[in-house]
N, C-alpha and C. Protein backbone atom coordinates (compact mmCIF):
# COMPACT_ATOMS: atom_id res chain seq x y z
N MET A 1 -9.49 -2.89 21.08
CA MET A 1 -10.30 -2.07 20.21
C MET A 1 -11.72 -2.59 20.25
N LYS A 2 -12.65 -1.69 20.50
CA LYS A 2 -14.04 -2.10 20.73
C LYS A 2 -14.83 -2.26 19.43
N LYS A 3 -14.70 -1.28 18.54
CA LYS A 3 -15.47 -1.29 17.30
C LYS A 3 -14.90 -0.23 16.36
N ILE A 4 -15.34 -0.29 15.11
CA ILE A 4 -15.00 0.80 14.19
C ILE A 4 -15.81 2.01 14.65
N GLU A 5 -15.13 3.10 14.94
CA GLU A 5 -15.78 4.32 15.43
C GLU A 5 -16.31 5.14 14.25
N HIS A 6 -15.50 5.25 13.20
CA HIS A 6 -15.94 5.93 11.99
C HIS A 6 -14.97 5.65 10.84
N LEU A 7 -15.42 5.98 9.64
CA LEU A 7 -14.55 5.98 8.46
C LEU A 7 -14.33 7.43 8.08
N GLY A 8 -13.07 7.79 7.85
CA GLY A 8 -12.73 9.14 7.44
C GLY A 8 -12.54 9.20 5.94
N ILE A 9 -13.20 10.17 5.31
CA ILE A 9 -13.15 10.31 3.85
C ILE A 9 -12.63 11.71 3.51
N ALA A 10 -11.53 11.77 2.78
CA ALA A 10 -10.96 13.05 2.34
C ALA A 10 -11.75 13.57 1.15
N VAL A 11 -12.12 14.85 1.21
CA VAL A 11 -12.90 15.48 0.14
C VAL A 11 -12.27 16.81 -0.25
N LYS A 12 -12.48 17.18 -1.49
CA LYS A 12 -11.93 18.45 -1.97
C LYS A 12 -12.81 19.63 -1.57
N ASN A 13 -14.13 19.44 -1.62
CA ASN A 13 -15.06 20.53 -1.36
C ASN A 13 -16.10 20.07 -0.35
N MET A 14 -16.04 20.63 0.86
CA MET A 14 -16.93 20.19 1.93
C MET A 14 -18.39 20.47 1.60
N GLU A 15 -18.68 21.63 1.06
CA GLU A 15 -20.07 21.99 0.76
C GLU A 15 -20.69 20.99 -0.22
N ASP A 16 -20.00 20.73 -1.32
CA ASP A 16 -20.50 19.78 -2.32
C ASP A 16 -20.59 18.36 -1.75
N SER A 17 -19.61 17.98 -0.95
CA SER A 17 -19.60 16.63 -0.38
C SER A 17 -20.68 16.45 0.67
N ASN A 18 -20.98 17.49 1.44
CA ASN A 18 -22.09 17.40 2.39
C ASN A 18 -23.41 17.15 1.66
N VAL A 19 -23.61 17.84 0.56
CA VAL A 19 -24.83 17.64 -0.24
C VAL A 19 -24.87 16.20 -0.77
N LEU A 20 -23.76 15.74 -1.31
CA LEU A 20 -23.68 14.38 -1.86
C LEU A 20 -23.99 13.33 -0.80
N PHE A 21 -23.33 13.43 0.38
CA PHE A 21 -23.54 12.41 1.42
C PHE A 21 -24.91 12.53 2.08
N GLU A 22 -25.46 13.74 2.11
CA GLU A 22 -26.83 13.89 2.62
C GLU A 22 -27.81 13.15 1.71
N LYS A 23 -27.61 13.27 0.40
CA LYS A 23 -28.44 12.53 -0.55
C LYS A 23 -28.21 11.03 -0.43
N LEU A 24 -26.95 10.62 -0.32
CA LEU A 24 -26.59 9.21 -0.24
C LEU A 24 -27.16 8.55 1.01
N LEU A 25 -26.99 9.18 2.16
CA LEU A 25 -27.37 8.58 3.43
C LEU A 25 -28.78 8.95 3.90
N GLY A 26 -29.35 10.00 3.29
CA GLY A 26 -30.70 10.41 3.66
C GLY A 26 -30.78 11.18 4.97
N VAL A 27 -29.64 11.67 5.46
CA VAL A 27 -29.60 12.48 6.68
C VAL A 27 -28.60 13.61 6.51
N ALA A 28 -28.83 14.69 7.26
CA ALA A 28 -27.89 15.81 7.27
C ALA A 28 -26.75 15.50 8.23
N PRO A 29 -25.61 16.16 8.08
CA PRO A 29 -24.54 15.96 9.06
C PRO A 29 -25.02 16.40 10.45
N TYR A 30 -24.62 15.66 11.48
CA TYR A 30 -25.03 16.02 12.83
C TYR A 30 -24.05 16.98 13.49
N LYS A 31 -22.86 17.11 12.91
CA LYS A 31 -21.87 17.99 13.50
C LYS A 31 -20.85 18.39 12.44
N GLN A 32 -20.45 19.66 12.48
CA GLN A 32 -19.38 20.15 11.63
C GLN A 32 -18.45 20.98 12.52
N GLU A 33 -17.15 20.77 12.38
CA GLU A 33 -16.22 21.55 13.18
C GLU A 33 -14.85 21.62 12.52
N GLU A 34 -14.12 22.64 12.90
CA GLU A 34 -12.75 22.79 12.43
C GLU A 34 -11.81 22.24 13.49
N VAL A 35 -10.78 21.52 13.03
CA VAL A 35 -9.69 21.09 13.91
C VAL A 35 -8.46 21.83 13.39
N ALA A 36 -8.26 23.01 13.96
CA ALA A 36 -7.20 23.91 13.48
C ALA A 36 -5.82 23.26 13.56
N SER A 37 -5.58 22.47 14.60
CA SER A 37 -4.26 21.86 14.77
C SER A 37 -3.92 20.89 13.63
N GLU A 38 -4.94 20.37 12.95
CA GLU A 38 -4.72 19.45 11.83
C GLU A 38 -4.95 20.12 10.48
N GLY A 39 -5.38 21.38 10.49
CA GLY A 39 -5.66 22.09 9.25
C GLY A 39 -6.79 21.46 8.46
N VAL A 40 -7.91 21.17 9.18
CA VAL A 40 -8.99 20.44 8.54
C VAL A 40 -10.36 20.88 9.07
N ASN A 41 -11.33 20.88 8.18
CA ASN A 41 -12.73 20.99 8.56
C ASN A 41 -13.33 19.60 8.49
N THR A 42 -14.20 19.28 9.45
CA THR A 42 -14.82 17.96 9.49
C THR A 42 -16.34 18.09 9.45
N SER A 43 -16.96 17.04 8.96
CA SER A 43 -18.42 16.95 8.94
C SER A 43 -18.77 15.50 9.23
N PHE A 44 -19.64 15.27 10.22
CA PHE A 44 -19.98 13.92 10.64
C PHE A 44 -21.41 13.56 10.28
N PHE A 45 -21.56 12.37 9.73
CA PHE A 45 -22.87 11.80 9.41
C PHE A 45 -23.07 10.53 10.23
N GLN A 46 -24.27 10.35 10.76
CA GLN A 46 -24.63 9.11 11.46
C GLN A 46 -25.48 8.29 10.52
N ASN A 47 -25.14 7.02 10.37
CA ASN A 47 -25.91 6.10 9.53
C ASN A 47 -26.12 4.83 10.33
N GLY A 48 -27.27 4.73 11.01
CA GLY A 48 -27.48 3.63 11.93
C GLY A 48 -26.43 3.71 13.01
N PRO A 49 -25.74 2.60 13.31
CA PRO A 49 -24.69 2.63 14.33
C PRO A 49 -23.35 3.14 13.79
N ASN A 50 -23.30 3.47 12.50
CA ASN A 50 -22.04 3.82 11.84
C ASN A 50 -21.92 5.33 11.65
N LYS A 51 -20.66 5.80 11.63
CA LYS A 51 -20.40 7.21 11.39
C LYS A 51 -19.42 7.37 10.23
N ILE A 52 -19.63 8.43 9.49
CA ILE A 52 -18.75 8.84 8.40
C ILE A 52 -18.25 10.24 8.74
N GLU A 53 -16.94 10.44 8.63
CA GLU A 53 -16.35 11.76 8.84
C GLU A 53 -15.79 12.23 7.51
N LEU A 54 -16.29 13.37 7.02
CA LEU A 54 -15.70 14.00 5.85
C LEU A 54 -14.62 14.96 6.32
N LEU A 55 -13.49 15.00 5.59
CA LEU A 55 -12.36 15.85 5.96
C LEU A 55 -11.97 16.70 4.76
N ALA A 56 -12.00 18.01 4.95
CA ALA A 56 -11.57 18.94 3.89
C ALA A 56 -10.44 19.80 4.45
N SER A 57 -9.40 19.96 3.68
CA SER A 57 -8.23 20.70 4.14
C SER A 57 -8.50 22.19 4.23
N THR A 58 -7.98 22.81 5.28
CA THR A 58 -7.98 24.27 5.40
C THR A 58 -6.56 24.81 5.25
N ASP A 59 -5.61 23.90 5.06
CA ASP A 59 -4.19 24.25 4.96
C ASP A 59 -3.62 23.56 3.72
N PRO A 60 -3.17 24.33 2.72
CA PRO A 60 -2.67 23.72 1.49
C PRO A 60 -1.43 22.84 1.69
N THR A 61 -0.79 22.93 2.85
CA THR A 61 0.36 22.07 3.12
C THR A 61 0.05 21.03 4.19
N GLY A 62 -1.22 20.94 4.61
CA GLY A 62 -1.62 20.02 5.67
C GLY A 62 -1.76 18.58 5.19
N PRO A 63 -1.99 17.67 6.13
CA PRO A 63 -2.04 16.24 5.79
C PRO A 63 -3.18 15.87 4.82
N ILE A 64 -4.32 16.51 4.93
CA ILE A 64 -5.42 16.17 4.02
C ILE A 64 -5.13 16.70 2.62
N ALA A 65 -4.57 17.90 2.54
CA ALA A 65 -4.19 18.45 1.22
C ALA A 65 -3.17 17.54 0.54
N LYS A 66 -2.20 17.06 1.31
CA LYS A 66 -1.18 16.16 0.75
C LYS A 66 -1.80 14.84 0.31
N PHE A 67 -2.73 14.31 1.11
CA PHE A 67 -3.41 13.07 0.76
C PHE A 67 -4.18 13.25 -0.55
N LEU A 68 -4.94 14.33 -0.66
CA LEU A 68 -5.73 14.58 -1.87
C LEU A 68 -4.84 14.73 -3.09
N GLU A 69 -3.70 15.39 -2.92
CA GLU A 69 -2.76 15.57 -4.03
C GLU A 69 -2.22 14.23 -4.51
N LYS A 70 -1.90 13.34 -3.58
CA LYS A 70 -1.32 12.03 -3.91
C LYS A 70 -2.35 11.03 -4.40
N LYS A 71 -3.49 10.96 -3.70
CA LYS A 71 -4.43 9.86 -3.93
C LYS A 71 -5.80 10.29 -4.41
N GLY A 72 -6.12 11.57 -4.31
CA GLY A 72 -7.45 12.03 -4.68
C GLY A 72 -8.44 11.75 -3.56
N GLU A 73 -9.70 12.06 -3.83
CA GLU A 73 -10.73 11.88 -2.82
C GLU A 73 -10.94 10.39 -2.53
N GLY A 74 -11.30 10.10 -1.28
CA GLY A 74 -11.59 8.72 -0.93
C GLY A 74 -11.31 8.44 0.53
N ILE A 75 -11.34 7.17 0.88
CA ILE A 75 -11.15 6.78 2.28
C ILE A 75 -9.75 7.18 2.73
N HIS A 76 -9.70 7.92 3.80
CA HIS A 76 -8.45 8.42 4.36
C HIS A 76 -7.98 7.57 5.54
N HIS A 77 -8.93 7.19 6.42
CA HIS A 77 -8.55 6.40 7.59
C HIS A 77 -9.73 5.60 8.14
N VAL A 78 -9.38 4.60 8.94
CA VAL A 78 -10.36 3.83 9.70
C VAL A 78 -10.09 4.13 11.17
N ALA A 79 -11.12 4.55 11.89
CA ALA A 79 -10.97 4.88 13.31
C ALA A 79 -11.62 3.81 14.17
N PHE A 80 -10.91 3.43 15.23
CA PHE A 80 -11.41 2.43 16.17
C PHE A 80 -11.61 3.07 17.53
N GLU A 81 -12.72 2.74 18.16
CA GLU A 81 -13.01 3.20 19.51
C GLU A 81 -12.23 2.34 20.51
N VAL A 82 -11.63 3.01 21.49
CA VAL A 82 -10.91 2.31 22.56
C VAL A 82 -11.34 2.89 23.90
N ASP A 83 -11.20 2.09 24.96
CA ASP A 83 -11.54 2.56 26.31
C ASP A 83 -10.41 3.36 26.93
N ASP A 84 -9.16 2.96 26.66
CA ASP A 84 -7.99 3.60 27.26
C ASP A 84 -6.95 3.80 26.17
N ILE A 85 -6.93 4.99 25.60
CA ILE A 85 -6.09 5.26 24.43
C ILE A 85 -4.60 5.16 24.77
N VAL A 86 -4.22 5.58 25.96
CA VAL A 86 -2.81 5.51 26.35
C VAL A 86 -2.35 4.06 26.44
N ALA A 87 -3.16 3.22 27.07
CA ALA A 87 -2.83 1.79 27.18
C ALA A 87 -2.81 1.13 25.81
N GLU A 88 -3.74 1.49 24.94
CA GLU A 88 -3.80 0.90 23.61
C GLU A 88 -2.60 1.33 22.77
N MET A 89 -2.18 2.58 22.92
CA MET A 89 -0.98 3.05 22.22
C MET A 89 0.24 2.27 22.68
N ALA A 90 0.37 2.04 23.97
CA ALA A 90 1.50 1.28 24.51
C ALA A 90 1.47 -0.16 24.00
N ARG A 91 0.28 -0.77 23.97
CA ARG A 91 0.15 -2.14 23.49
C ARG A 91 0.57 -2.25 22.04
N LEU A 92 0.07 -1.33 21.21
CA LEU A 92 0.39 -1.38 19.78
C LEU A 92 1.88 -1.12 19.52
N LYS A 93 2.46 -0.21 20.27
CA LYS A 93 3.90 0.06 20.14
C LYS A 93 4.69 -1.19 20.50
N SER A 94 4.27 -1.89 21.55
CA SER A 94 4.98 -3.11 21.96
C SER A 94 4.81 -4.23 20.93
N GLU A 95 3.75 -4.15 20.12
CA GLU A 95 3.51 -5.13 19.06
C GLU A 95 4.26 -4.77 17.77
N GLY A 96 4.97 -3.64 17.78
CA GLY A 96 5.79 -3.27 16.63
C GLY A 96 5.19 -2.24 15.69
N PHE A 97 4.03 -1.69 16.04
CA PHE A 97 3.43 -0.65 15.20
C PHE A 97 4.12 0.68 15.45
N THR A 98 4.22 1.50 14.41
CA THR A 98 4.78 2.84 14.54
C THR A 98 3.64 3.81 14.77
N LEU A 99 3.73 4.56 15.87
CA LEU A 99 2.71 5.56 16.18
C LEU A 99 3.12 6.91 15.62
N LEU A 100 2.18 7.65 15.12
CA LEU A 100 2.46 8.99 14.61
C LEU A 100 2.37 10.05 15.70
N ASN A 101 1.89 9.65 16.89
CA ASN A 101 1.76 10.57 18.01
C ASN A 101 2.45 9.96 19.23
N GLU A 102 3.15 10.79 19.99
CA GLU A 102 3.76 10.35 21.24
C GLU A 102 2.71 10.22 22.34
N LYS A 103 1.70 11.11 22.27
CA LYS A 103 0.63 11.08 23.25
C LYS A 103 -0.67 11.46 22.53
N PRO A 104 -1.82 11.12 23.11
CA PRO A 104 -3.09 11.46 22.45
C PRO A 104 -3.25 12.98 22.33
N LYS A 105 -3.99 13.38 21.29
CA LYS A 105 -4.29 14.81 21.13
C LYS A 105 -5.78 14.97 20.94
N LYS A 106 -6.27 16.18 21.16
CA LYS A 106 -7.69 16.45 21.02
C LYS A 106 -8.06 16.46 19.54
N GLY A 107 -9.05 15.65 19.18
CA GLY A 107 -9.51 15.59 17.80
C GLY A 107 -10.94 16.09 17.71
N ALA A 108 -11.57 15.81 16.60
CA ALA A 108 -12.95 16.23 16.37
C ALA A 108 -13.91 15.34 17.15
N ASP A 109 -15.12 15.80 17.30
CA ASP A 109 -16.24 15.04 17.86
C ASP A 109 -15.98 14.62 19.31
N ASN A 110 -15.30 15.49 20.08
CA ASN A 110 -15.04 15.26 21.50
C ASN A 110 -14.25 13.98 21.77
N LYS A 111 -13.16 13.79 21.02
CA LYS A 111 -12.35 12.58 21.15
C LYS A 111 -10.89 12.91 21.39
N TRP A 112 -10.22 12.03 22.16
CA TRP A 112 -8.77 11.96 22.18
C TRP A 112 -8.40 11.05 21.02
N VAL A 113 -7.39 11.41 20.25
CA VAL A 113 -7.03 10.62 19.07
C VAL A 113 -5.53 10.39 19.00
N ALA A 114 -5.16 9.31 18.34
CA ALA A 114 -3.77 9.00 18.01
C ALA A 114 -3.80 8.16 16.74
N PHE A 115 -2.73 8.21 15.96
CA PHE A 115 -2.69 7.53 14.68
C PHE A 115 -1.55 6.53 14.61
N ILE A 116 -1.79 5.45 13.87
CA ILE A 116 -0.78 4.44 13.57
C ILE A 116 -0.32 4.66 12.14
N HIS A 117 0.98 4.65 11.92
CA HIS A 117 1.53 4.89 10.58
C HIS A 117 1.05 3.80 9.62
N PRO A 118 0.59 4.20 8.44
CA PRO A 118 0.09 3.21 7.47
C PRO A 118 1.15 2.20 7.03
N LYS A 119 2.43 2.57 7.07
CA LYS A 119 3.47 1.63 6.64
C LYS A 119 3.54 0.40 7.54
N THR A 120 3.03 0.51 8.76
CA THR A 120 3.04 -0.64 9.66
C THR A 120 1.66 -1.29 9.78
N ALA A 121 0.71 -0.86 8.96
CA ALA A 121 -0.65 -1.41 9.02
C ALA A 121 -1.18 -1.69 7.61
N ASN A 122 -0.34 -2.31 6.79
CA ASN A 122 -0.72 -2.68 5.41
C ASN A 122 -1.29 -1.52 4.60
N GLY A 123 -0.73 -0.33 4.79
CA GLY A 123 -1.13 0.82 3.99
C GLY A 123 -2.37 1.55 4.50
N VAL A 124 -2.90 1.13 5.66
CA VAL A 124 -4.11 1.75 6.20
C VAL A 124 -3.72 2.69 7.34
N LEU A 125 -4.16 3.95 7.25
CA LEU A 125 -4.00 4.87 8.36
C LEU A 125 -5.06 4.52 9.39
N VAL A 126 -4.62 4.15 10.60
CA VAL A 126 -5.54 3.74 11.66
C VAL A 126 -5.55 4.84 12.72
N GLU A 127 -6.76 5.22 13.11
CA GLU A 127 -6.94 6.22 14.17
C GLU A 127 -7.53 5.52 15.38
N LEU A 128 -7.00 5.83 16.54
CA LEU A 128 -7.58 5.38 17.80
C LEU A 128 -8.38 6.55 18.37
N CYS A 129 -9.57 6.28 18.89
CA CYS A 129 -10.44 7.33 19.43
C CYS A 129 -10.93 6.93 20.82
N GLN A 130 -10.85 7.87 21.73
CA GLN A 130 -11.43 7.68 23.06
C GLN A 130 -12.25 8.91 23.39
N GLU A 131 -13.48 8.70 23.81
CA GLU A 131 -14.36 9.81 24.23
C GLU A 131 -13.68 10.60 25.33
N ILE A 132 -13.70 11.94 25.22
CA ILE A 132 -13.16 12.78 26.28
C ILE A 132 -14.21 12.86 27.39
N ARG A 133 -13.83 12.40 28.55
CA ARG A 133 -14.74 12.43 29.70
C ARG A 133 -14.29 13.54 30.64
N GLU A 134 -15.12 14.53 30.79
CA GLU A 134 -14.72 15.67 31.64
C GLU A 134 -15.58 15.77 32.86
């Protein structure tokens, strides 16, 4: 794992949260997109070398809606940048981590992504991210 790629924050209302984070960070989001396969809208903010991803559910039965129902708004996941997501998934599986994905899937911000189950990472949902190179 090279570095923290971004922090994911679950929000109830994307419009209100974009305004809040724009005031907080002093910059507008650089990208907003829907990830239909996850039932989520995303909004990305750059703060120096760091990124924040806001996640708002578009599906009342989706993972973000369930997270908000259980825990409310707040940090949803920590994402780490990797060079080879398939190799990193194999390494983590061999170390005893439970993966939520059998293979990487296309995520937001031009990334291949995979997740580690929080039960095997001290309650933290960990996302692996690799830039899609085409």
